[in-house]
C-alpha cells in the first residue's frame, strides 16, 4: 500500500480501522531541474504570489484566496496574485474575481515551464481543502521559493511554519487571512526562507523517485 504522504497513510489506517504494516510513503516525480538555481526576483515592485494548481475550488480552495484578497488591506498592497492552471471552474473563479472587483489578480492558464513560473513569482500560495502532497509545493521549494499552505495532506510534512513558509491551521478564510498576514509581515525574510526551502527539499526529496518506487515494487514481487 503506497501513499504520497504520511498524513494520507495515517488517514487510510483510521478509515479502515487498523494498521497497515505494508504501507509506505512514496514520492511523485517532479518537473524541475535540481541542478538549476534560480536567482531571487527584485523587490522594488509588487510582490508576486503564484497559486499553482488545477482550477478546482472543491479541492484547491482558490475561492478562499480570492475572498482574502477582497479585504481592504490586501486591496491596497503592492501585490499581484497569479493563478496558474486550467480546469472546468476557470469561468466561475474569473467571475468571482470580477464580482469582488479584484484588480491585482491574473489567470495565466496552464504553463508547462514550471521553472518559468518561479522566475516571475516570489512565493507559492496553496489554499487547498484537500491534498496528497502537491507537486507545486515540491517544485516551488526546489526553486528556492517559500510557500503559504493549509495544513492538509502532506503540506506541513514538507513546509515548516516560520522556516520555509507559513502554514494555515485549516482551509478557512479567516485562518488563511491570518497566515497571509504573517507572511506579509515577514516579507523581507522570503528570500532566506526560500533558500531554507530548497535545502529542506534537497534533503527530503529523492533524486530518482521513479526508480525508488520501481525498486519498492520489485521488493513486493520478490519471492523467497
N, C-alpha and C. Protein backbone atom coordinates (compact mmCIF):
# COMPACT_ATOMS: atom_id res chain seq x y z
N UNK A 1 0.85 -1.19 0.00
CA UNK A 1 0.00 0.00 0.00
C UNK A 1 0.88 1.23 0.00
N UNK A 2 0.79 2.02 -1.05
CA UNK A 2 1.64 3.20 -1.19
C UNK A 2 0.79 4.48 -1.15
N UNK A 3 1.24 5.45 -0.37
CA UNK A 3 0.60 6.76 -0.29
C UNK A 3 1.67 7.83 -0.53
N UNK A 4 1.21 9.03 -0.92
CA UNK A 4 2.18 10.08 -1.24
C UNK A 4 2.47 11.00 -0.07
N UNK A 5 1.88 10.72 1.11
CA UNK A 5 2.23 11.49 2.30
C UNK A 5 1.93 10.63 3.53
N UNK A 6 2.61 10.94 4.61
CA UNK A 6 2.37 10.24 5.87
C UNK A 6 0.95 10.48 6.36
N UNK A 7 0.45 11.70 6.17
CA UNK A 7 -0.91 12.02 6.61
C UNK A 7 -1.93 11.16 5.89
N UNK A 8 -1.74 10.93 4.59
CA UNK A 8 -2.69 10.11 3.84
C UNK A 8 -2.66 8.66 4.30
N UNK A 9 -1.47 8.15 4.61
CA UNK A 9 -1.37 6.78 5.10
C UNK A 9 -2.05 6.63 6.45
N UNK A 10 -1.83 7.60 7.34
CA UNK A 10 -2.46 7.54 8.66
C UNK A 10 -3.97 7.69 8.55
N UNK A 11 -4.44 8.54 7.64
CA UNK A 11 -5.87 8.69 7.42
C UNK A 11 -6.48 7.38 6.92
N UNK A 12 -5.80 6.72 6.01
CA UNK A 12 -6.30 5.45 5.49
C UNK A 12 -6.39 4.41 6.59
N UNK A 13 -5.40 4.38 7.48
CA UNK A 13 -5.44 3.43 8.59
C UNK A 13 -6.63 3.71 9.50
N UNK A 14 -6.92 4.97 9.75
CA UNK A 14 -8.09 5.29 10.57
C UNK A 14 -9.38 4.91 9.88
N UNK A 15 -9.42 5.09 8.57
CA UNK A 15 -10.64 4.79 7.84
C UNK A 15 -10.93 3.28 7.78
N UNK A 16 -9.88 2.48 7.71
CA UNK A 16 -10.10 1.03 7.66
C UNK A 16 -10.09 0.42 9.06
N UNK A 17 -9.75 1.23 10.06
CA UNK A 17 -9.80 0.77 11.44
C UNK A 17 -8.70 -0.18 11.83
N UNK A 18 -7.51 0.00 11.28
CA UNK A 18 -6.39 -0.87 11.66
C UNK A 18 -5.11 -0.43 11.00
N UNK A 19 -4.00 -0.95 11.54
CA UNK A 19 -2.68 -0.63 11.00
C UNK A 19 -2.47 -1.29 9.64
N UNK A 20 -1.68 -0.65 8.81
CA UNK A 20 -1.30 -1.21 7.51
C UNK A 20 0.21 -1.42 7.52
N UNK A 21 0.66 -2.56 8.03
CA UNK A 21 2.11 -2.78 8.19
C UNK A 21 2.87 -2.76 6.88
N UNK A 22 2.20 -2.99 5.77
CA UNK A 22 2.88 -2.95 4.47
C UNK A 22 2.69 -1.60 3.77
N UNK A 23 2.21 -0.61 4.51
CA UNK A 23 2.05 0.72 3.95
C UNK A 23 3.38 1.46 3.89
N UNK A 24 3.54 2.28 2.88
CA UNK A 24 4.78 3.06 2.73
C UNK A 24 4.46 4.37 2.03
N UNK A 25 5.33 5.35 2.24
CA UNK A 25 5.19 6.66 1.61
C UNK A 25 6.16 6.74 0.45
N UNK A 26 5.66 7.17 -0.70
CA UNK A 26 6.49 7.32 -1.90
C UNK A 26 6.36 8.74 -2.42
N UNK A 27 7.29 9.12 -3.29
CA UNK A 27 7.31 10.47 -3.86
C UNK A 27 6.95 10.42 -5.33
N UNK A 28 6.20 11.41 -5.79
CA UNK A 28 5.93 11.56 -7.22
C UNK A 28 7.12 12.27 -7.88
N UNK A 29 7.34 12.01 -9.17
CA UNK A 29 8.41 12.72 -9.88
C UNK A 29 8.03 14.19 -10.08
N UNK A 30 9.02 15.07 -9.99
CA UNK A 30 8.75 16.49 -10.15
C UNK A 30 9.27 16.97 -11.51
N UNK A 31 8.89 18.20 -11.85
CA UNK A 31 9.14 18.71 -13.20
C UNK A 31 10.08 19.90 -13.23
N UNK A 32 11.03 19.94 -12.31
CA UNK A 32 12.05 20.99 -12.33
C UNK A 32 13.42 20.34 -12.18
N UNK A 33 14.43 21.00 -12.70
CA UNK A 33 15.80 20.51 -12.59
C UNK A 33 16.37 20.88 -11.22
N UNK A 34 16.98 19.89 -10.58
CA UNK A 34 17.62 20.16 -9.29
C UNK A 34 18.96 20.87 -9.48
N UNK A 35 19.48 20.89 -10.69
CA UNK A 35 20.81 21.46 -10.93
C UNK A 35 20.77 22.95 -11.20
N UNK A 36 19.60 23.47 -11.54
CA UNK A 36 19.50 24.89 -11.87
C UNK A 36 18.98 25.66 -10.67
N UNK A 37 19.71 26.68 -10.28
CA UNK A 37 19.30 27.52 -9.16
C UNK A 37 18.82 28.86 -9.69
N UNK A 38 17.59 29.20 -9.33
CA UNK A 38 17.00 30.46 -9.79
C UNK A 38 17.44 31.61 -8.90
N UNK A 39 17.67 32.74 -9.52
CA UNK A 39 18.00 33.94 -8.75
C UNK A 39 16.72 34.51 -8.14
N UNK A 40 16.86 35.29 -7.09
CA UNK A 40 15.71 35.92 -6.44
C UNK A 40 15.25 37.12 -7.26
N UNK A 41 13.95 37.33 -7.28
CA UNK A 41 13.39 38.45 -8.04
C UNK A 41 13.67 39.77 -7.34
N UNK A 42 13.80 40.84 -8.10
CA UNK A 42 13.91 42.17 -7.47
C UNK A 42 12.68 42.45 -6.63
N UNK A 43 12.86 43.23 -5.58
CA UNK A 43 11.76 43.54 -4.67
C UNK A 43 11.40 45.02 -4.72
N UNK A 44 11.66 45.65 -5.87
CA UNK A 44 11.38 47.08 -5.98
C UNK A 44 10.00 47.36 -6.57
N UNK A 45 9.23 46.31 -6.83
CA UNK A 45 7.87 46.49 -7.34
C UNK A 45 6.90 45.67 -6.52
N UNK A 46 5.85 45.20 -7.14
CA UNK A 46 4.84 44.41 -6.44
C UNK A 46 5.40 43.04 -6.08
N UNK A 47 5.07 42.57 -4.89
CA UNK A 47 5.37 41.19 -4.52
C UNK A 47 4.42 40.29 -5.30
N UNK A 48 4.96 39.25 -5.89
CA UNK A 48 4.16 38.40 -6.77
C UNK A 48 3.98 37.02 -6.14
N UNK A 49 2.72 36.65 -5.97
CA UNK A 49 2.36 35.36 -5.40
C UNK A 49 1.76 34.50 -6.50
N UNK A 50 2.10 33.20 -6.50
CA UNK A 50 1.59 32.28 -7.50
C UNK A 50 0.79 31.18 -6.83
N UNK A 51 -0.43 30.97 -7.32
CA UNK A 51 -1.25 29.83 -6.91
C UNK A 51 -1.21 28.85 -8.08
N UNK A 52 -0.49 27.75 -7.89
CA UNK A 52 -0.24 26.80 -8.97
C UNK A 52 -1.02 25.52 -8.68
N UNK A 53 -2.12 25.33 -9.39
CA UNK A 53 -2.98 24.17 -9.15
C UNK A 53 -4.08 24.14 -10.21
N UNK A 54 -4.64 22.96 -10.41
CA UNK A 54 -5.81 22.91 -11.30
C UNK A 54 -6.90 23.83 -10.72
N UNK A 55 -7.67 24.41 -11.58
CA UNK A 55 -8.70 25.35 -11.13
C UNK A 55 -9.92 24.55 -10.67
N UNK A 56 -9.89 24.23 -9.39
CA UNK A 56 -10.90 23.36 -8.77
C UNK A 56 -11.05 23.77 -7.31
N UNK A 57 -11.95 24.71 -7.01
CA UNK A 57 -12.07 25.20 -5.64
C UNK A 57 -12.46 24.13 -4.64
N UNK A 58 -13.14 23.06 -5.07
CA UNK A 58 -13.52 22.00 -4.14
C UNK A 58 -12.28 21.40 -3.47
N UNK A 59 -11.22 21.19 -4.23
CA UNK A 59 -10.00 20.63 -3.67
C UNK A 59 -8.93 21.66 -3.39
N UNK A 60 -8.79 22.63 -4.31
CA UNK A 60 -7.65 23.54 -4.25
C UNK A 60 -7.95 24.87 -3.56
N UNK A 61 -9.22 25.18 -3.35
CA UNK A 61 -9.58 26.32 -2.49
C UNK A 61 -9.27 27.69 -3.03
N UNK A 62 -9.21 27.85 -4.37
CA UNK A 62 -8.89 29.19 -4.89
C UNK A 62 -9.89 30.25 -4.44
N UNK A 63 -11.14 29.86 -4.20
CA UNK A 63 -12.14 30.83 -3.75
C UNK A 63 -11.78 31.42 -2.40
N UNK A 64 -11.15 30.62 -1.53
CA UNK A 64 -10.72 31.14 -0.23
C UNK A 64 -9.72 32.27 -0.40
N UNK A 65 -8.77 32.07 -1.30
CA UNK A 65 -7.74 33.09 -1.54
C UNK A 65 -8.36 34.35 -2.14
N UNK A 66 -9.28 34.20 -3.07
CA UNK A 66 -9.92 35.36 -3.67
C UNK A 66 -10.67 36.17 -2.62
N UNK A 67 -11.33 35.49 -1.69
CA UNK A 67 -12.05 36.20 -0.64
C UNK A 67 -11.11 36.93 0.31
N UNK A 68 -9.94 36.36 0.58
CA UNK A 68 -8.95 37.07 1.40
C UNK A 68 -8.47 38.32 0.68
N UNK A 69 -8.24 38.21 -0.61
CA UNK A 69 -7.72 39.34 -1.38
C UNK A 69 -8.74 40.48 -1.47
N UNK A 70 -10.00 40.18 -1.19
CA UNK A 70 -11.03 41.22 -1.23
C UNK A 70 -11.04 42.09 0.03
N UNK A 71 -10.27 41.72 1.04
CA UNK A 71 -10.22 42.51 2.28
C UNK A 71 -9.50 43.83 2.00
N UNK A 72 -9.83 44.89 2.75
CA UNK A 72 -9.27 46.23 2.47
C UNK A 72 -7.75 46.27 2.45
N UNK A 73 -7.09 45.57 3.39
CA UNK A 73 -5.64 45.69 3.45
C UNK A 73 -4.96 45.09 2.22
N UNK A 74 -5.54 44.02 1.68
CA UNK A 74 -4.91 43.40 0.51
C UNK A 74 -5.20 44.18 -0.77
N UNK A 75 -6.32 44.88 -0.81
CA UNK A 75 -6.61 45.71 -1.98
C UNK A 75 -5.60 46.84 -2.12
N UNK A 76 -5.07 47.30 -1.00
CA UNK A 76 -4.20 48.48 -1.00
C UNK A 76 -2.71 48.15 -0.98
N UNK A 77 -2.38 46.88 -1.11
CA UNK A 77 -0.97 46.49 -1.05
C UNK A 77 -0.38 46.29 -2.45
N UNK A 78 0.93 46.49 -2.54
CA UNK A 78 1.64 46.27 -3.80
C UNK A 78 1.89 44.77 -3.96
N UNK A 79 0.86 44.07 -4.37
CA UNK A 79 0.94 42.62 -4.51
C UNK A 79 0.15 42.19 -5.73
N UNK A 80 0.66 41.20 -6.42
CA UNK A 80 -0.02 40.62 -7.58
C UNK A 80 -0.13 39.12 -7.35
N UNK A 81 -1.33 38.57 -7.58
CA UNK A 81 -1.55 37.14 -7.40
C UNK A 81 -1.84 36.52 -8.76
N UNK A 82 -1.01 35.55 -9.15
CA UNK A 82 -1.13 34.89 -10.44
C UNK A 82 -1.62 33.46 -10.24
N UNK A 83 -2.73 33.13 -10.89
CA UNK A 83 -3.27 31.78 -10.84
C UNK A 83 -2.82 31.02 -12.08
N UNK A 84 -2.10 29.93 -11.86
CA UNK A 84 -1.63 29.08 -12.96
C UNK A 84 -2.39 27.76 -12.90
N UNK A 85 -2.93 27.37 -14.04
CA UNK A 85 -3.66 26.11 -14.09
C UNK A 85 -4.90 26.25 -14.94
N UNK A 86 -5.51 25.13 -15.24
CA UNK A 86 -6.74 25.10 -16.03
C UNK A 86 -7.72 24.17 -15.35
N UNK A 87 -8.97 24.25 -15.78
CA UNK A 87 -9.98 23.38 -15.21
C UNK A 87 -11.37 23.90 -15.48
N UNK A 88 -12.38 23.08 -15.22
CA UNK A 88 -13.77 23.46 -15.54
C UNK A 88 -14.30 24.63 -14.72
N UNK A 89 -13.61 24.99 -13.63
CA UNK A 89 -14.08 26.08 -12.78
C UNK A 89 -13.41 27.41 -13.11
N UNK A 90 -12.68 27.46 -14.20
CA UNK A 90 -11.98 28.70 -14.54
C UNK A 90 -12.95 29.86 -14.72
N UNK A 91 -14.05 29.64 -15.44
CA UNK A 91 -15.02 30.71 -15.66
C UNK A 91 -15.63 31.20 -14.37
N UNK A 92 -15.99 30.27 -13.47
CA UNK A 92 -16.61 30.65 -12.20
C UNK A 92 -15.64 31.45 -11.33
N UNK A 93 -14.38 31.03 -11.30
CA UNK A 93 -13.39 31.75 -10.50
C UNK A 93 -13.10 33.13 -11.07
N UNK A 94 -13.07 33.22 -12.41
CA UNK A 94 -12.88 34.54 -13.04
C UNK A 94 -14.03 35.47 -12.72
N UNK A 95 -15.25 34.91 -12.74
CA UNK A 95 -16.42 35.74 -12.40
C UNK A 95 -16.40 36.16 -10.94
N UNK A 96 -15.93 35.27 -10.06
CA UNK A 96 -15.83 35.63 -8.65
C UNK A 96 -14.83 36.77 -8.47
N UNK A 97 -13.70 36.70 -9.16
CA UNK A 97 -12.71 37.79 -9.07
C UNK A 97 -13.30 39.10 -9.57
N UNK A 98 -14.09 39.03 -10.64
CA UNK A 98 -14.73 40.24 -11.16
C UNK A 98 -15.78 40.76 -10.17
N UNK A 99 -16.55 39.84 -9.59
CA UNK A 99 -17.59 40.24 -8.63
C UNK A 99 -16.97 40.93 -7.42
N UNK A 100 -15.80 40.45 -7.00
CA UNK A 100 -15.11 41.05 -5.85
C UNK A 100 -14.30 42.28 -6.24
N UNK A 101 -14.30 42.59 -7.54
CA UNK A 101 -13.59 43.77 -8.07
C UNK A 101 -12.10 43.75 -7.72
N UNK A 102 -11.51 42.59 -7.95
CA UNK A 102 -10.08 42.43 -7.68
C UNK A 102 -9.28 42.89 -8.89
N UNK A 103 -8.38 43.80 -8.66
CA UNK A 103 -7.57 44.36 -9.75
C UNK A 103 -6.14 43.80 -9.76
N UNK A 104 -5.81 43.03 -8.75
CA UNK A 104 -4.43 42.52 -8.66
C UNK A 104 -4.36 41.02 -8.87
N UNK A 105 -5.33 40.45 -9.58
CA UNK A 105 -5.41 39.02 -9.83
C UNK A 105 -5.30 38.75 -11.33
N UNK A 106 -4.49 37.75 -11.71
CA UNK A 106 -4.35 37.37 -13.10
C UNK A 106 -4.50 35.85 -13.23
N UNK A 107 -5.25 35.42 -14.23
CA UNK A 107 -5.37 34.00 -14.55
C UNK A 107 -4.47 33.72 -15.75
N UNK A 108 -3.42 32.94 -15.52
CA UNK A 108 -2.37 32.75 -16.52
C UNK A 108 -2.54 31.47 -17.34
N UNK A 109 -3.53 30.64 -16.98
CA UNK A 109 -3.72 29.39 -17.71
C UNK A 109 -2.68 28.34 -17.35
N UNK A 110 -2.73 27.22 -18.07
CA UNK A 110 -1.75 26.15 -17.83
C UNK A 110 -0.40 26.55 -18.41
N UNK A 111 0.65 26.36 -17.63
CA UNK A 111 2.01 26.68 -18.05
C UNK A 111 2.87 25.44 -17.86
N UNK A 112 3.50 24.98 -18.93
CA UNK A 112 4.32 23.76 -18.84
C UNK A 112 5.71 24.04 -18.29
N UNK A 113 6.20 25.26 -18.43
CA UNK A 113 7.53 25.62 -17.94
C UNK A 113 7.42 26.01 -16.46
N UNK A 114 7.58 25.04 -15.58
CA UNK A 114 7.40 25.29 -14.14
C UNK A 114 8.45 26.26 -13.63
N UNK A 115 9.69 26.07 -14.04
CA UNK A 115 10.73 26.99 -13.56
C UNK A 115 10.47 28.42 -14.03
N UNK A 116 9.84 28.54 -15.20
CA UNK A 116 9.48 29.86 -15.68
C UNK A 116 8.50 30.58 -14.75
N UNK A 117 7.62 29.80 -14.12
CA UNK A 117 6.70 30.39 -13.14
C UNK A 117 7.50 31.04 -12.02
N UNK A 118 8.53 30.33 -11.54
CA UNK A 118 9.27 30.81 -10.37
C UNK A 118 10.34 31.82 -10.71
N UNK A 119 10.58 32.05 -11.99
CA UNK A 119 11.40 33.20 -12.38
C UNK A 119 10.60 34.50 -12.25
N UNK A 120 9.27 34.38 -12.15
CA UNK A 120 8.41 35.56 -12.17
C UNK A 120 7.62 35.76 -10.88
N UNK A 121 7.79 34.88 -9.89
CA UNK A 121 6.99 34.98 -8.67
C UNK A 121 7.86 34.74 -7.44
N UNK A 122 7.47 35.41 -6.33
CA UNK A 122 8.25 35.33 -5.09
C UNK A 122 7.82 34.18 -4.18
N UNK A 123 6.54 33.83 -4.19
CA UNK A 123 6.03 32.89 -3.20
C UNK A 123 4.87 32.09 -3.76
N UNK A 124 4.77 30.83 -3.31
CA UNK A 124 3.64 29.97 -3.64
C UNK A 124 2.54 30.15 -2.59
N UNK A 125 1.28 30.18 -3.05
CA UNK A 125 0.12 30.16 -2.15
C UNK A 125 -0.78 29.01 -2.56
N UNK A 126 -0.99 28.05 -1.65
CA UNK A 126 -1.87 26.91 -1.91
C UNK A 126 -2.94 26.87 -0.82
N UNK A 127 -4.13 27.39 -1.09
CA UNK A 127 -5.20 27.41 -0.08
C UNK A 127 -6.04 26.13 -0.10
N UNK A 128 -5.40 24.99 -0.23
CA UNK A 128 -6.08 23.73 -0.53
C UNK A 128 -7.03 23.26 0.56
N UNK A 129 -8.14 22.68 0.12
CA UNK A 129 -9.06 21.99 1.02
C UNK A 129 -8.70 20.51 1.13
N UNK A 130 -8.02 19.97 0.13
CA UNK A 130 -7.62 18.56 0.14
C UNK A 130 -6.35 18.41 -0.69
N UNK A 131 -5.44 17.56 -0.22
CA UNK A 131 -4.19 17.31 -0.93
C UNK A 131 -3.69 15.91 -0.62
N UNK A 132 -2.78 15.45 -1.48
CA UNK A 132 -1.92 14.33 -1.13
C UNK A 132 -0.63 14.95 -0.63
N UNK A 133 0.30 15.14 -1.56
CA UNK A 133 1.44 16.03 -1.34
C UNK A 133 1.68 16.73 -2.67
N UNK A 134 1.30 18.01 -2.78
CA UNK A 134 1.27 18.66 -4.09
C UNK A 134 2.64 18.86 -4.71
N UNK A 135 2.73 18.50 -5.99
CA UNK A 135 3.97 18.74 -6.72
C UNK A 135 4.30 20.22 -6.79
N UNK A 136 3.28 21.06 -6.80
CA UNK A 136 3.53 22.51 -6.85
C UNK A 136 4.37 22.95 -5.66
N UNK A 137 4.15 22.37 -4.49
CA UNK A 137 4.94 22.72 -3.31
C UNK A 137 6.36 22.19 -3.44
N UNK A 138 6.50 20.96 -3.87
CA UNK A 138 7.83 20.37 -4.07
C UNK A 138 8.63 21.22 -5.04
N UNK A 139 8.03 21.58 -6.16
CA UNK A 139 8.74 22.30 -7.21
C UNK A 139 9.07 23.73 -6.78
N UNK A 140 8.15 24.39 -6.07
CA UNK A 140 8.45 25.73 -5.59
C UNK A 140 9.64 25.71 -4.63
N UNK A 141 9.66 24.73 -3.72
CA UNK A 141 10.77 24.65 -2.77
C UNK A 141 12.09 24.36 -3.47
N UNK A 142 12.08 23.47 -4.46
CA UNK A 142 13.31 23.19 -5.21
C UNK A 142 13.78 24.41 -5.99
N UNK A 143 12.84 25.31 -6.31
CA UNK A 143 13.19 26.56 -6.98
C UNK A 143 13.48 27.69 -5.99
N UNK A 144 13.64 27.34 -4.72
CA UNK A 144 14.00 28.30 -3.66
C UNK A 144 12.95 29.38 -3.46
N UNK A 145 11.69 28.93 -3.43
CA UNK A 145 10.59 29.84 -3.14
C UNK A 145 9.85 29.35 -1.90
N UNK A 146 9.54 30.25 -0.97
CA UNK A 146 8.75 29.88 0.21
C UNK A 146 7.29 29.68 -0.19
N UNK A 147 6.49 29.21 0.76
CA UNK A 147 5.10 28.90 0.45
C UNK A 147 4.18 29.24 1.61
N UNK A 148 2.94 29.55 1.27
CA UNK A 148 1.84 29.62 2.22
C UNK A 148 0.91 28.47 1.87
N UNK A 149 0.69 27.56 2.81
CA UNK A 149 -0.14 26.37 2.55
C UNK A 149 -1.11 26.17 3.69
N UNK A 150 -2.10 25.33 3.47
CA UNK A 150 -3.01 24.90 4.53
C UNK A 150 -2.54 23.55 5.05
N UNK A 151 -2.88 23.25 6.29
CA UNK A 151 -2.44 22.01 6.92
C UNK A 151 -3.36 20.87 6.52
N UNK A 152 -3.25 20.48 5.26
CA UNK A 152 -3.98 19.33 4.74
C UNK A 152 -3.00 18.44 3.98
N UNK A 153 -3.31 17.14 3.91
CA UNK A 153 -2.40 16.23 3.24
C UNK A 153 -1.01 16.31 3.83
N UNK A 154 -0.01 16.26 2.95
CA UNK A 154 1.37 16.29 3.40
C UNK A 154 2.00 17.67 3.40
N UNK A 155 1.20 18.73 3.26
CA UNK A 155 1.76 20.08 3.16
C UNK A 155 2.70 20.41 4.32
N UNK A 156 2.23 20.17 5.56
CA UNK A 156 3.03 20.53 6.73
C UNK A 156 4.16 19.54 6.98
N UNK A 157 4.16 18.42 6.28
CA UNK A 157 5.30 17.50 6.38
C UNK A 157 6.50 18.06 5.64
N UNK A 158 6.23 18.88 4.63
CA UNK A 158 7.32 19.44 3.82
C UNK A 158 7.58 20.90 4.14
N UNK A 159 6.52 21.69 4.30
CA UNK A 159 6.66 23.12 4.60
C UNK A 159 6.66 23.33 6.11
N UNK A 160 7.72 23.91 6.63
CA UNK A 160 7.87 24.14 8.07
C UNK A 160 7.47 25.58 8.37
N UNK A 161 6.44 25.75 9.19
CA UNK A 161 5.93 27.07 9.50
C UNK A 161 7.01 27.94 10.15
N UNK A 162 7.19 29.12 9.58
CA UNK A 162 8.16 30.06 10.11
C UNK A 162 9.59 29.82 9.66
N UNK A 163 9.84 28.72 8.93
CA UNK A 163 11.19 28.41 8.46
C UNK A 163 11.27 28.38 6.94
N UNK A 164 10.40 27.62 6.32
CA UNK A 164 10.41 27.54 4.86
C UNK A 164 9.13 28.11 4.26
N UNK A 165 8.25 28.61 5.12
CA UNK A 165 6.99 29.17 4.67
C UNK A 165 6.05 29.36 5.84
N UNK A 166 4.76 29.32 5.54
CA UNK A 166 3.74 29.58 6.55
C UNK A 166 2.60 28.60 6.35
N UNK A 167 2.09 28.04 7.46
CA UNK A 167 1.06 27.01 7.40
C UNK A 167 -0.19 27.49 8.11
N UNK A 168 -1.30 27.56 7.38
CA UNK A 168 -2.60 27.86 7.98
C UNK A 168 -3.16 26.59 8.60
N UNK A 169 -3.76 26.70 9.77
CA UNK A 169 -4.21 25.52 10.52
C UNK A 169 -5.29 24.75 9.80
N UNK A 170 -6.08 25.41 8.97
CA UNK A 170 -7.17 24.74 8.26
C UNK A 170 -7.57 25.60 7.08
N UNK A 171 -8.26 25.03 6.08
CA UNK A 171 -8.69 25.79 4.92
C UNK A 171 -9.94 26.61 5.21
N UNK A 172 -9.78 27.75 5.83
CA UNK A 172 -10.87 28.67 6.14
C UNK A 172 -10.39 30.09 5.84
N UNK A 173 -11.29 30.94 5.40
CA UNK A 173 -10.91 32.30 5.02
C UNK A 173 -10.20 33.02 6.15
N UNK A 174 -10.73 32.94 7.38
CA UNK A 174 -10.14 33.67 8.50
C UNK A 174 -8.73 33.18 8.80
N UNK A 175 -8.53 31.87 8.77
CA UNK A 175 -7.21 31.31 9.07
C UNK A 175 -6.22 31.59 7.95
N UNK A 176 -6.68 31.51 6.72
CA UNK A 176 -5.80 31.83 5.59
C UNK A 176 -5.41 33.30 5.63
N UNK A 177 -6.37 34.15 5.97
CA UNK A 177 -6.08 35.58 6.06
C UNK A 177 -5.03 35.86 7.14
N UNK A 178 -5.16 35.22 8.30
CA UNK A 178 -4.17 35.40 9.37
C UNK A 178 -2.79 34.94 8.92
N UNK A 179 -2.75 33.83 8.21
CA UNK A 179 -1.46 33.28 7.78
C UNK A 179 -0.82 34.14 6.71
N UNK A 180 -1.61 34.61 5.76
CA UNK A 180 -1.08 35.51 4.74
C UNK A 180 -0.61 36.82 5.36
N UNK A 181 -1.29 37.26 6.41
CA UNK A 181 -0.86 38.48 7.10
C UNK A 181 0.50 38.26 7.75
N UNK A 182 0.69 37.10 8.37
CA UNK A 182 2.00 36.78 8.95
C UNK A 182 3.07 36.77 7.87
N UNK A 183 2.73 36.16 6.74
CA UNK A 183 3.69 36.10 5.65
C UNK A 183 4.05 37.50 5.17
N UNK A 184 3.06 38.36 5.02
CA UNK A 184 3.33 39.73 4.55
C UNK A 184 4.20 40.49 5.54
N UNK A 185 3.95 40.31 6.82
CA UNK A 185 4.74 40.99 7.83
C UNK A 185 6.19 40.51 7.87
N UNK A 186 6.45 39.33 7.31
CA UNK A 186 7.82 38.79 7.25
C UNK A 186 8.33 38.75 5.81
N UNK A 187 7.80 39.61 4.95
CA UNK A 187 8.15 39.55 3.53
C UNK A 187 9.63 39.80 3.27
N UNK A 188 10.31 40.52 4.16
CA UNK A 188 11.73 40.76 3.96
C UNK A 188 12.57 39.51 4.27
N UNK A 189 11.91 38.47 4.77
CA UNK A 189 12.60 37.19 5.04
C UNK A 189 12.29 36.14 3.98
N UNK A 190 11.49 36.48 2.98
CA UNK A 190 11.09 35.47 1.99
C UNK A 190 12.28 34.86 1.27
N UNK A 191 13.26 35.68 0.94
CA UNK A 191 14.41 35.14 0.20
C UNK A 191 15.16 34.11 1.03
N UNK A 192 15.43 34.42 2.30
CA UNK A 192 16.14 33.45 3.15
C UNK A 192 15.28 32.22 3.41
N UNK A 193 13.96 32.39 3.50
CA UNK A 193 13.08 31.24 3.66
C UNK A 193 13.10 30.37 2.41
N UNK A 194 13.17 31.01 1.26
CA UNK A 194 13.27 30.24 0.02
C UNK A 194 14.54 29.42 -0.04
N UNK A 195 15.64 29.99 0.42
CA UNK A 195 16.90 29.23 0.48
C UNK A 195 16.76 28.04 1.41
N UNK A 196 16.13 28.25 2.57
CA UNK A 196 15.90 27.15 3.51
C UNK A 196 14.96 26.11 2.92
N UNK A 197 13.99 26.55 2.13
CA UNK A 197 13.06 25.62 1.50
C UNK A 197 13.79 24.71 0.51
N UNK A 198 14.67 25.28 -0.27
CA UNK A 198 15.44 24.46 -1.22
C UNK A 198 16.31 23.44 -0.48
N UNK A 199 16.97 23.89 0.58
CA UNK A 199 17.82 22.97 1.35
C UNK A 199 17.00 21.82 1.91
N UNK A 200 15.83 22.12 2.45
CA UNK A 200 14.98 21.07 3.02
C UNK A 200 14.49 20.12 1.92
N UNK A 201 14.08 20.67 0.79
CA UNK A 201 13.59 19.83 -0.30
C UNK A 201 14.70 18.91 -0.82
N UNK A 202 15.90 19.44 -0.96
CA UNK A 202 17.01 18.61 -1.44
C UNK A 202 17.32 17.48 -0.47
N UNK A 203 17.12 17.74 0.82
CA UNK A 203 17.41 16.71 1.82
C UNK A 203 16.34 15.62 1.85
N UNK A 204 15.09 15.99 1.65
CA UNK A 204 13.99 15.05 1.82
C UNK A 204 13.57 14.34 0.54
N UNK A 205 13.66 15.02 -0.58
CA UNK A 205 13.09 14.50 -1.82
C UNK A 205 14.15 13.71 -2.58
N UNK A 206 13.87 12.46 -2.91
CA UNK A 206 14.86 11.65 -3.60
C UNK A 206 15.17 12.17 -5.00
N UNK A 207 16.38 11.92 -5.44
CA UNK A 207 16.79 12.35 -6.78
C UNK A 207 16.05 11.58 -7.85
N UNK A 208 15.77 10.30 -7.59
CA UNK A 208 15.14 9.42 -8.58
C UNK A 208 13.90 8.77 -7.98
N UNK A 209 12.82 9.52 -7.81
CA UNK A 209 11.62 8.94 -7.18
C UNK A 209 11.01 7.80 -7.98
N UNK A 210 11.10 7.86 -9.31
CA UNK A 210 10.55 6.78 -10.14
C UNK A 210 11.34 5.50 -9.90
N UNK A 211 12.66 5.61 -9.92
CA UNK A 211 13.49 4.43 -9.68
C UNK A 211 13.27 3.85 -8.30
N UNK A 212 13.16 4.75 -7.31
CA UNK A 212 12.92 4.28 -5.94
C UNK A 212 11.60 3.53 -5.84
N UNK A 213 10.56 4.04 -6.50
CA UNK A 213 9.25 3.38 -6.45
C UNK A 213 9.32 2.03 -7.16
N UNK A 214 10.00 1.98 -8.30
CA UNK A 214 10.12 0.71 -9.02
C UNK A 214 10.85 -0.33 -8.17
N UNK A 215 11.87 0.10 -7.46
CA UNK A 215 12.60 -0.84 -6.61
C UNK A 215 11.71 -1.35 -5.47
N UNK A 216 10.84 -0.46 -4.94
CA UNK A 216 9.91 -0.91 -3.91
C UNK A 216 8.93 -1.92 -4.46
N UNK A 217 8.46 -1.69 -5.68
CA UNK A 217 7.54 -2.64 -6.31
C UNK A 217 8.24 -3.99 -6.51
N UNK A 218 9.49 -3.96 -6.95
CA UNK A 218 10.22 -5.21 -7.16
C UNK A 218 10.41 -5.98 -5.85
N UNK A 219 10.60 -5.24 -4.75
CA UNK A 219 10.70 -5.92 -3.45
C UNK A 219 9.41 -6.65 -3.14
N UNK A 220 8.27 -6.01 -3.45
CA UNK A 220 6.98 -6.61 -3.17
C UNK A 220 6.76 -7.87 -4.01
N UNK A 221 7.39 -7.90 -5.18
CA UNK A 221 7.20 -9.03 -6.10
C UNK A 221 8.22 -10.13 -5.87
N UNK A 222 9.16 -9.90 -4.98
CA UNK A 222 10.19 -10.91 -4.72
C UNK A 222 9.60 -12.07 -3.94
N UNK A 223 9.99 -13.25 -4.31
CA UNK A 223 9.53 -14.46 -3.63
C UNK A 223 10.70 -15.11 -2.91
N UNK A 224 10.45 -15.74 -1.77
CA UNK A 224 11.53 -16.40 -1.03
C UNK A 224 12.08 -17.59 -1.81
